[in-house]
C-alpha atoms as a PDB file:
ATOM      1  CA  MET A   1     -59.091  19.973  86.507  1.00  0.00           C
ATOM      2  CA  PRO A   2     -57.930  23.079  84.933  1.00  0.00           C
ATOM      3  CA  ALA A   3     -59.962  25.750  85.636  1.00  0.00           C
ATOM      4  CA  PRO A   4     -61.918  26.734  82.062  1.00  0.00           C
ATOM      5  CA  ILE A   5     -60.942  30.278  78.896  1.00  0.00           C
ATOM      6  CA  PRO A   6     -62.650  32.863  79.750  1.00  0.00           C
ATOM      7  CA  PHE A   7     -63.468  35.232  76.556  1.00  0.00           C
ATOM      8  CA  LYS A   8     -66.520  37.991  76.774  1.00  0.00           C
ATOM      9  CA  ARG A   9     -68.776  38.995  74.378  1.00  0.00           C
ATOM     10  CA  VAL A  10     -67.436  42.208  72.448  1.00  0.00           C
ATOM     11  CA  SER A  11     -67.437  45.359  70.198  1.00  0.00           C
ATOM     12  CA  ILE A  12     -65.820  44.102  67.060  1.00  0.00           C
ATOM     13  CA  ALA A  13     -64.547  47.817  65.564  1.00  0.00           C
ATOM     14  CA  PRO A  14     -63.335  46.024  62.033  1.00  0.00           C
ATOM     15  CA  PHE A  15     -61.795  49.556  61.002  1.00  0.00           C
ATOM     16  CA  ALA A  16     -60.331  50.604  63.955  1.00  0.00           C
ATOM     17  CA  TYR A  17     -58.135  47.529  64.008  1.00  0.00           C
ATOM     18  CA  ILE A  18     -57.147  47.567  60.799  1.00  0.00           C
ATOM     19  CA  GLY A  19     -55.342  51.201  61.522  1.00  0.00           C
ATOM     20  CA  GLU A  20     -53.816  48.142  64.575  1.00  0.00           C
ATOM     21  CA  ALA A  21     -53.103  46.147  62.882  1.00  0.00           C
ATOM     22  CA  TRP A  22     -50.790  48.356  60.831  1.00  0.00           C
ATOM     23  CA  GLU A  23     -49.447  49.419  63.632  1.00  0.00           C
ATOM     24  CA  ARG A  24     -48.241  46.664  65.449  1.00  0.00           C
ATOM     25  CA  VAL A  25     -47.005  45.899  62.048  1.00  0.00           C
ATOM     26  CA  LYS A  26     -45.548  48.618  60.182  1.00  0.00           C
ATOM     27  CA  GLU A  27     -41.994  48.598  61.209  1.00  0.00           C
ATOM     28  CA  GLN A  28     -41.249  45.420  60.812  1.00  0.00           C
ATOM     29  CA  TYR A  29     -43.905  44.644  57.525  1.00  0.00           C
ATOM     30  CA  TRP A  30     -41.436  42.674  55.307  1.00  0.00           C
ATOM     31  CA  MET A  31     -40.981  40.689  57.947  1.00  0.00           C
ATOM     32  CA  PHE A  32     -44.668  39.782  58.535  1.00  0.00           C
ATOM     33  CA  LEU A  33     -44.950  39.363  54.933  1.00  0.00           C
ATOM     34  CA  GLY A  34     -42.526  36.946  54.698  1.00  0.00           C
ATOM     35  CA  VAL A  35     -44.258  34.843  57.240  1.00  0.00           C
ATOM     36  CA  SER A  36     -47.314  35.539  56.072  1.00  0.00           C
ATOM     37  CA  VAL A  37     -46.860  34.630  52.337  1.00  0.00           C
ATOM     38  CA  VAL A  38     -44.523  31.359  53.276  1.00  0.00           C
ATOM     39  CA  GLY A  39     -46.090  30.044  55.132  1.00  0.00           C
ATOM     40  CA  MET A  40     -49.385  30.377  53.659  1.00  0.00           C
ATOM     41  CA  LEU A  41     -47.548  28.688  50.355  1.00  0.00           C
ATOM     42  CA  ILE A  42     -45.600  25.680  52.554  1.00  0.00           C
ATOM     43  CA  ALA A  43     -49.651  24.982  53.861  1.00  0.00           C
ATOM     44  CA  GLY A  44     -50.759  24.992  50.327  1.00  0.00           C
ATOM     45  CA  LEU A  45     -48.124  22.125  49.588  1.00  0.00           C
ATOM     46  CA  VAL A  46     -49.143  18.903  51.423  1.00  0.00           C
ATOM     47  CA  PRO A  47     -53.463  17.740  51.033  1.00  0.00           C
ATOM     48  CA  LEU A  48     -55.481  16.767  53.313  1.00  0.00           C
ATOM     49  CA  ALA A  49     -54.077  20.016  55.029  1.00  0.00           C
ATOM     50  CA  VAL A  50     -50.796  17.868  57.086  1.00  0.00           C
ATOM     51  CA  MET A  51     -49.096  21.599  56.821  1.00  0.00           C
ATOM     52  CA  LEU A  52     -51.656  24.185  57.391  1.00  0.00           C
ATOM     53  CA  GLY A  53     -52.296  23.832  60.761  1.00  0.00           C
ATOM     54  CA  PRO A  54     -48.368  24.004  61.818  1.00  0.00           C
ATOM     55  CA  MET A  55     -48.286  27.069  59.024  1.00  0.00           C
ATOM     56  CA  MET A  56     -51.274  28.658  60.548  1.00  0.00           C
ATOM     57  CA  CYS A  57     -49.403  28.405  64.081  1.00  0.00           C
ATOM     58  CA  GLY A  58     -46.177  29.597  63.306  1.00  0.00           C
ATOM     59  CA  ILE A  59     -47.783  32.378  61.347  1.00  0.00           C
ATOM     60  CA  TYR A  60     -49.340  33.725  64.749  1.00  0.00           C
ATOM     61  CA  LEU A  61     -46.839  32.571  67.297  1.00  0.00           C
ATOM     62  CA  CYS A  62     -44.872  35.351  65.215  1.00  0.00           C
ATOM     63  CA  TYR A  63     -48.422  37.993  66.283  1.00  0.00           C
ATOM     64  CA  ARG A  64     -47.863  36.333  69.852  1.00  0.00           C
ATOM     65  CA  GLN A  65     -44.558  37.426  69.831  1.00  0.00           C
ATOM     66  CA  GLN A  66     -44.594  41.367  68.467  1.00  0.00           C
ATOM     67  CA  GLY A  67     -48.435  41.958  70.826  1.00  0.00           C
ATOM     68  CA  ARG A  68     -46.345  40.627  74.137  1.00  0.00           C
ATOM     69  CA  GLY A  69     -43.621  43.479  72.807  1.00  0.00           C
ATOM     70  CA  GLU A  70     -40.386  40.704  71.207  1.00  0.00           C
ATOM     71  CA  GLN A  71     -38.532  41.079  68.951  1.00  0.00           C
ATOM     72  CA  VAL A  72     -40.126  38.888  65.579  1.00  0.00           C
ATOM     73  CA  VAL A  73     -37.775  36.496  63.868  1.00  0.00           C
ATOM     74  CA  PHE A  74     -38.704  34.826  60.679  1.00  0.00           C
ATOM     75  CA  GLU A  75     -37.561  31.331  62.147  1.00  0.00           C
ATOM     76  CA  THR A  76     -40.629  32.000  65.066  1.00  0.00           C
ATOM     77  CA  LEU A  77     -42.720  29.930  61.694  1.00  0.00           C
ATOM     78  CA  PHE A  78     -41.520  27.056  61.563  1.00  0.00           C
ATOM     79  CA  LYS A  79     -41.734  26.931  65.449  1.00  0.00           C
ATOM     80  CA  GLY A  80     -45.461  26.398  64.710  1.00  0.00           C
ATOM     81  CA  PHE A  81     -43.975  22.391  64.215  1.00  0.00           C
ATOM     82  CA  ASP A  82     -43.761  22.575  68.629  1.00  0.00           C
ATOM     83  CA  GLN A  83     -47.672  22.514  67.723  1.00  0.00           C
ATOM     84  CA  PHE A  84     -48.044  20.189  64.861  1.00  0.00           C
ATOM     85  CA  LEU A  85     -50.416  17.238  66.400  1.00  0.00           C
ATOM     86  CA  GLU A  86     -53.031  19.265  68.142  1.00  0.00           C
ATOM     87  CA  SER A  87     -52.216  21.744  65.140  1.00  0.00           C
ATOM     88  CA  PHE A  88     -53.414  19.050  62.219  1.00  0.00           C
ATOM     89  CA  ILE A  89     -56.143  17.636  64.445  1.00  0.00           C
ATOM     90  CA  ALA A  90     -57.756  21.380  64.428  1.00  0.00           C
ATOM     91  CA  ALA A  91     -56.810  21.772  60.690  1.00  0.00           C
ATOM     92  CA  LEU A  92     -58.451  17.973  60.092  1.00  0.00           C
ATOM     93  CA  LEU A  93     -61.653  18.853  61.899  1.00  0.00           C
ATOM     94  CA  MET A  94     -61.954  22.197  60.040  1.00  0.00           C
ATOM     95  CA  LEU A  95     -61.877  20.231  56.548  1.00  0.00           C
ATOM     96  CA  ALA A  96     -64.326  17.703  57.444  1.00  0.00           C
ATOM     97  CA  ALA A  97     -66.738  20.195  58.390  1.00  0.00           C
ATOM     98  CA  SER A  98     -65.926  22.065  55.567  1.00  0.00           C
ATOM     99  CA  LEU A  99     -66.351  18.581  53.868  1.00  0.00           C
ATOM    100  CA  VAL A 100     -69.941  17.880  55.600  1.00  0.00           C
ATOM    101  CA  ILE A 101     -70.860  20.737  54.237  1.00  0.00           C
ATOM    102  CA  VAL A 102     -70.086  21.845  50.974  1.00  0.00           C
ATOM    103  CA  VAL A 103     -70.009  18.592  49.244  1.00  0.00           C
ATOM    104  CA  PRO A 104     -74.187  17.714  49.832  1.00  0.00           C
ATOM    105  CA  VAL A 105     -74.500  21.725  48.255  1.00  0.00           C
ATOM    106  CA  ILE A 106     -72.255  20.725  45.593  1.00  0.00           C
ATOM    107  CA  LEU A 107     -73.793  17.110  44.706  1.00  0.00           C
ATOM    108  CA  VAL A 108     -77.444  18.520  44.663  1.00  0.00           C
ATOM    109  CA  ALA A 109     -76.122  21.669  42.111  1.00  0.00           C
ATOM    110  CA  LEU A 110     -74.771  18.218  40.449  1.00  0.00           C
ATOM    111  CA  PHE A 111     -77.965  16.294  40.582  1.00  0.00           C
ATOM    112  CA  SER A 112     -80.159  19.410  40.092  1.00  0.00           C
ATOM    113  CA  GLY A 113     -78.142  20.749  36.844  1.00  0.00           C
ATOM    114  CA  VAL A 114     -77.498  17.145  35.195  1.00  0.00           C
ATOM    115  CA  PHE A 115     -82.082  16.756  35.857  1.00  0.00           C
ATOM    116  CA  VAL A 116     -82.066  20.178  33.977  1.00  0.00           C
ATOM    117  CA  GLY A 117     -80.103  18.888  31.166  1.00  0.00           C
ATOM    118  CA  LEU A 118     -81.814  16.195  30.480  1.00  0.00           C
ATOM    119  CA  LEU A 119     -84.748  17.575  30.142  1.00  0.00           C
ATOM    120  CA  GLY A 120     -83.404  20.146  27.573  1.00  0.00           C
ATOM    121  CA  ALA A 121     -81.475  17.422  25.804  1.00  0.00           C
ATOM    122  CA  SER A 122     -85.273  15.810  25.729  1.00  0.00           C
ATOM    123  CA  HIS A 123     -86.279  18.626  22.911  1.00  0.00           C
ATOM    124  CA  ALA A 124     -84.738  22.218  22.228  1.00  0.00           C
ATOM    125  CA  PRO A 125     -83.282  23.804  25.234  1.00  0.00           C
ATOM    126  CA  GLU A 126     -85.817  26.694  26.519  1.00  0.00           C
ATOM    127  CA  GLU A 127     -85.295  29.624  28.358  1.00  0.00           C
ATOM    128  CA  GLY A 128     -86.652  28.422  30.992  1.00  0.00           C
ATOM    129  CA  ALA A 129     -83.992  25.954  31.752  1.00  0.00           C
ATOM    130  CA  VAL A 130     -81.150  28.084  30.334  1.00  0.00           C
ATOM    131  CA  ALA A 131     -82.236  30.485  33.321  1.00  0.00           C
ATOM    132  CA  LEU A 132     -82.434  27.012  35.671  1.00  0.00           C
ATOM    133  CA  ILE A 133     -79.753  25.894  35.440  1.00  0.00           C
ATOM    134  CA  ILE A 134     -77.624  29.411  36.218  1.00  0.00           C
ATOM    135  CA  LEU A 135     -80.396  29.915  38.789  1.00  0.00           C
ATOM    136  CA  LEU A 136     -78.874  26.796  39.922  1.00  0.00           C
ATOM    137  CA  ALA A 137     -75.138  27.275  39.850  1.00  0.00           C
ATOM    138  CA  GLY A 138     -75.626  30.848  40.710  1.00  0.00           C
ATOM    139  CA  GLY A 139     -77.419  29.380  44.494  1.00  0.00           C
ATOM    140  CA  ALA A 140     -74.838  26.340  44.270  1.00  0.00           C
ATOM    141  CA  PHE A 141     -71.978  29.183  44.544  1.00  0.00           C
ATOM    142  CA  LEU A 142     -73.517  30.791  46.909  1.00  0.00           C
ATOM    143  CA  LEU A 143     -74.319  28.340  49.259  1.00  0.00           C
ATOM    144  CA  ILE A 144     -70.683  26.983  48.855  1.00  0.00           C
ATOM    145  CA  MET A 145     -68.991  30.563  49.764  1.00  0.00           C
ATOM    146  CA  LEU A 146     -71.514  31.182  52.621  1.00  0.00           C
ATOM    147  CA  ALA A 147     -70.679  27.401  53.497  1.00  0.00           C
ATOM    148  CA  SER A 148     -66.967  28.396  53.583  1.00  0.00           C
ATOM    149  CA  VAL A 149     -67.816  31.875  55.608  1.00  0.00           C
ATOM    150  CA  LEU A 150     -69.211  30.257  58.146  1.00  0.00           C
ATOM    151  CA  ILE A 151     -66.768  27.245  58.702  1.00  0.00           C
ATOM    152  CA  HIS A 152     -64.069  30.029  58.931  1.00  0.00           C
ATOM    153  CA  LEU A 153     -66.244  32.513  61.519  1.00  0.00           C
ATOM    154  CA  LEU A 154     -66.403  28.715  63.596  1.00  0.00           C
ATOM    155  CA  PHE A 155     -63.138  28.378  62.901  1.00  0.00           C
ATOM    156  CA  PHE A 156     -61.630  31.335  63.984  1.00  0.00           C
ATOM    157  CA  PHE A 157     -59.445  31.718  67.385  1.00  0.00           C
ATOM    158  CA  THR A 158     -58.909  27.700  67.153  1.00  0.00           C
ATOM    159  CA  PHE A 159     -55.189  28.682  65.844  1.00  0.00           C
ATOM    160  CA  PRO A 160     -54.563  31.257  68.281  1.00  0.00           C
ATOM    161  CA  LEU A 161     -56.153  29.441  71.379  1.00  0.00           C
ATOM    162  CA  ILE A 162     -53.729  26.688  70.218  1.00  0.00           C
ATOM    163  CA  VAL A 163     -50.678  28.686  69.997  1.00  0.00           C
ATOM    164  CA  ASP A 164     -51.547  30.963  72.703  1.00  0.00           C
ATOM    165  CA  ARG A 165     -52.876  29.105  75.877  1.00  0.00           C
ATOM    166  CA  GLY A 166     -51.776  25.320  74.945  1.00  0.00           C
ATOM    167  CA  ILE A 167     -54.908  23.082  74.715  1.00  0.00           C
ATOM    168  CA  THR A 168     -56.128  20.658  72.349  1.00  0.00           C
ATOM    169  CA  GLY A 169     -56.566  20.648  68.807  1.00  0.00           C
ATOM    170  CA  VAL A 170     -60.354  19.673  70.143  1.00  0.00           C
ATOM    171  CA  GLU A 171     -60.281  21.567  72.968  1.00  0.00           C
ATOM    172  CA  ALA A 172     -59.639  25.046  71.091  1.00  0.00           C
ATOM    173  CA  VAL A 173     -62.869  23.942  68.254  1.00  0.00           C
ATOM    174  CA  LYS A 174     -64.760  23.012  70.709  1.00  0.00           C
ATOM    175  CA  LEU A 175     -63.865  26.987  72.825  1.00  0.00           C
ATOM    176  CA  SER A 176     -64.399  29.088  69.428  1.00  0.00           C
ATOM    177  CA  TRP A 177     -66.733  27.204  68.084  1.00  0.00           C
ATOM    178  CA  ARG A 178     -67.811  29.036  72.060  1.00  0.00           C
ATOM    179  CA  ALA A 179     -66.777  32.011  71.506  1.00  0.00           C
ATOM    180  CA  ALA A 180     -67.721  33.106  67.971  1.00  0.00           C
ATOM    181  CA  TYR A 181     -70.996  32.480  68.158  1.00  0.00           C
ATOM    182  CA  ALA A 182     -71.226  34.944  71.515  1.00  0.00           C
ATOM    183  CA  ASN A 183     -69.378  37.456  69.134  1.00  0.00           C
ATOM    184  CA  LEU A 184     -71.231  35.765  65.255  1.00  0.00           C
ATOM    185  CA  TRP A 185     -72.529  39.322  64.381  1.00  0.00           C
ATOM    186  CA  GLY A 186     -68.742  41.074  65.106  1.00  0.00           C
ATOM    187  CA  LEU A 187     -66.906  38.332  62.889  1.00  0.00           C
ATOM    188  CA  VAL A 188     -69.577  38.697  60.552  1.00  0.00           C
ATOM    189  CA  GLY A 189     -69.069  42.692  59.629  1.00  0.00           C
ATOM    190  CA  LEU A 190     -65.164  41.907  60.863  1.00  0.00           C
ATOM    191  CA  GLY A 191     -65.117  39.211  57.704  1.00  0.00           C
ATOM    192  CA  LEU A 192     -66.266  41.004  55.527  1.00  0.00           C
ATOM    193  CA  VAL A 193     -64.306  44.211  55.659  1.00  0.00           C
ATOM    194  CA  THR A 194     -61.229  42.083  55.273  1.00  0.00           C
ATOM    195  CA  PHE A 195     -62.755  40.293  52.528  1.00  0.00           C
ATOM    196  CA  CYS A 196     -63.171  43.354  51.008  1.00  0.00           C
ATOM    197  CA  LEU A 197     -59.068  44.468  51.799  1.00  0.00           C
ATOM    198  CA  SER A 198     -58.186  41.315  50.170  1.00  0.00           C
ATOM    199  CA  LEU A 199     -60.560  41.667  46.818  1.00  0.00           C
ATOM    200  CA  VAL A 200     -58.957  44.478  46.079  1.00  0.00           C
ATOM    201  CA  GLY A 201     -55.624  43.470  47.203  1.00  0.00           C
ATOM    202  CA  VAL A 202     -56.435  40.909  43.907  1.00  0.00           C
ATOM    203  CA  CYS A 203     -57.891  43.762  42.428  1.00  0.00           C
ATOM    204  CA  PHE A 204     -54.208  44.985  42.362  1.00  0.00           C
ATOM    205  CA  CYS A 205     -52.727  41.914  40.111  1.00  0.00           C
ATOM    206  CA  TYR A 206     -53.679  39.890  42.616  1.00  0.00           C
ATOM    207  CA  VAL A 207     -50.079  40.722  44.256  1.00  0.00           C
ATOM    208  CA  GLY A 208     -51.846  43.342  46.372  1.00  0.00           C
ATOM    209  CA  ALA A 209     -53.687  40.249  47.718  1.00  0.00           C
ATOM    210  CA  PHE A 210     -50.170  39.292  49.144  1.00  0.00           C
ATOM    211  CA  LEU A 211     -49.486  43.214  50.319  1.00  0.00           C
ATOM    212  CA  VAL A 212     -52.429  42.715  52.549  1.00  0.00           C
ATOM    213  CA  MET A 213     -52.065  39.341  54.009  1.00  0.00           C
ATOM    214  CA  PRO A 214     -49.910  40.802  57.053  1.00  0.00           C
ATOM    215  CA  ILE A 215     -52.933  43.440  57.609  1.00  0.00           C
ATOM    216  CA  ILE A 216     -55.217  40.926  58.083  1.00  0.00           C
ATOM    217  CA  PHE A 217     -53.978  38.462  59.727  1.00  0.00           C
ATOM    218  CA  GLY A 218     -52.808  40.977  63.363  1.00  0.00           C
ATOM    219  CA  VAL A 219     -56.780  42.263  62.478  1.00  0.00           C
ATOM    220  CA  GLN A 220     -57.515  38.321  62.962  1.00  0.00           C
ATOM    221  CA  TRP A 221     -54.716  38.031  66.301  1.00  0.00           C
ATOM    222  CA  ILE A 222     -56.495  41.881  67.701  1.00  0.00           C
ATOM    223  CA  THR A 223     -59.796  40.155  67.573  1.00  0.00           C
ATOM    224  CA  TYR A 224     -58.933  37.398  69.967  1.00  0.00           C
ATOM    225  CA  GLU A 225     -56.429  38.902  72.136  1.00  0.00           C
ATOM    226  CA  ARG A 226     -60.009  41.161  72.632  1.00  0.00           C
ATOM    227  CA  VAL A 227     -61.942  38.303  73.028  1.00  0.00           C
ATOM    228  CA  PHE A 228     -59.426  35.752  75.323  1.00  0.00           C
ATOM    229  CA  GLY A 229     -56.709  38.530  76.580  1.00  0.00           C
ATOM    230  CA  LEU A 230     -53.184  36.991  76.614  1.00  0.00           C
ATOM    231  CA  ALA A 231     -52.319  34.396  78.139  1.00  0.00           C
ATOM    232  CA  GLU A 232     -49.883  34.748  80.842  1.00  0.00           C
ATOM    233  CA  VAL A 233     -45.839  33.990  80.150  1.00  0.00           C
ATOM    234  CA  ALA A 234     -45.071  30.903  82.833  1.00  0.00           C
END
């Protein structure tokens, strides 16, 4: 039986990681930009997360190469298909977890809105009913956002683990959950900073959101390195 993969509780420094990510990718920035954008576009082409896992693995393989001082080439993106089955299983588990959390919230908000709407239709709509509908819609949106963030954090290390440690999708999900829980507040802070970075990018005609993707993926890989370290080359 293989020894369990250890992880550490670390002090995550989001702004320092952003600076380090830039230092790592700046010499091949356009390469990493192409890998990130093409990978995400392909991942979104097929429903049910069929392409998400392989593309995420391919993207992280590029950062793994860079972290080992190797030359990064665009073709590495498609080496993610070498882990197709395990990455697909992990992506399906992530999708299932999202549905389990998000769908009930949507249904509760939907039925609550219908109920309030029917109540208002029985007589002239009152300000209180309108305010309640707005409150329910806002609350549902906030809960969905929080649920999405939670899912992202719990699965934070999943694809890097598949790429770097060669473990199964199920093992990667379980180990990611344990490591994410151990570093939860640091990951929350990191998520907030990277979200703001993406938001700033969106404000620049949305093109900026693509331009910061190499930095965000770099930050995520650096976080993985700090928590798990890099596997030794066989």
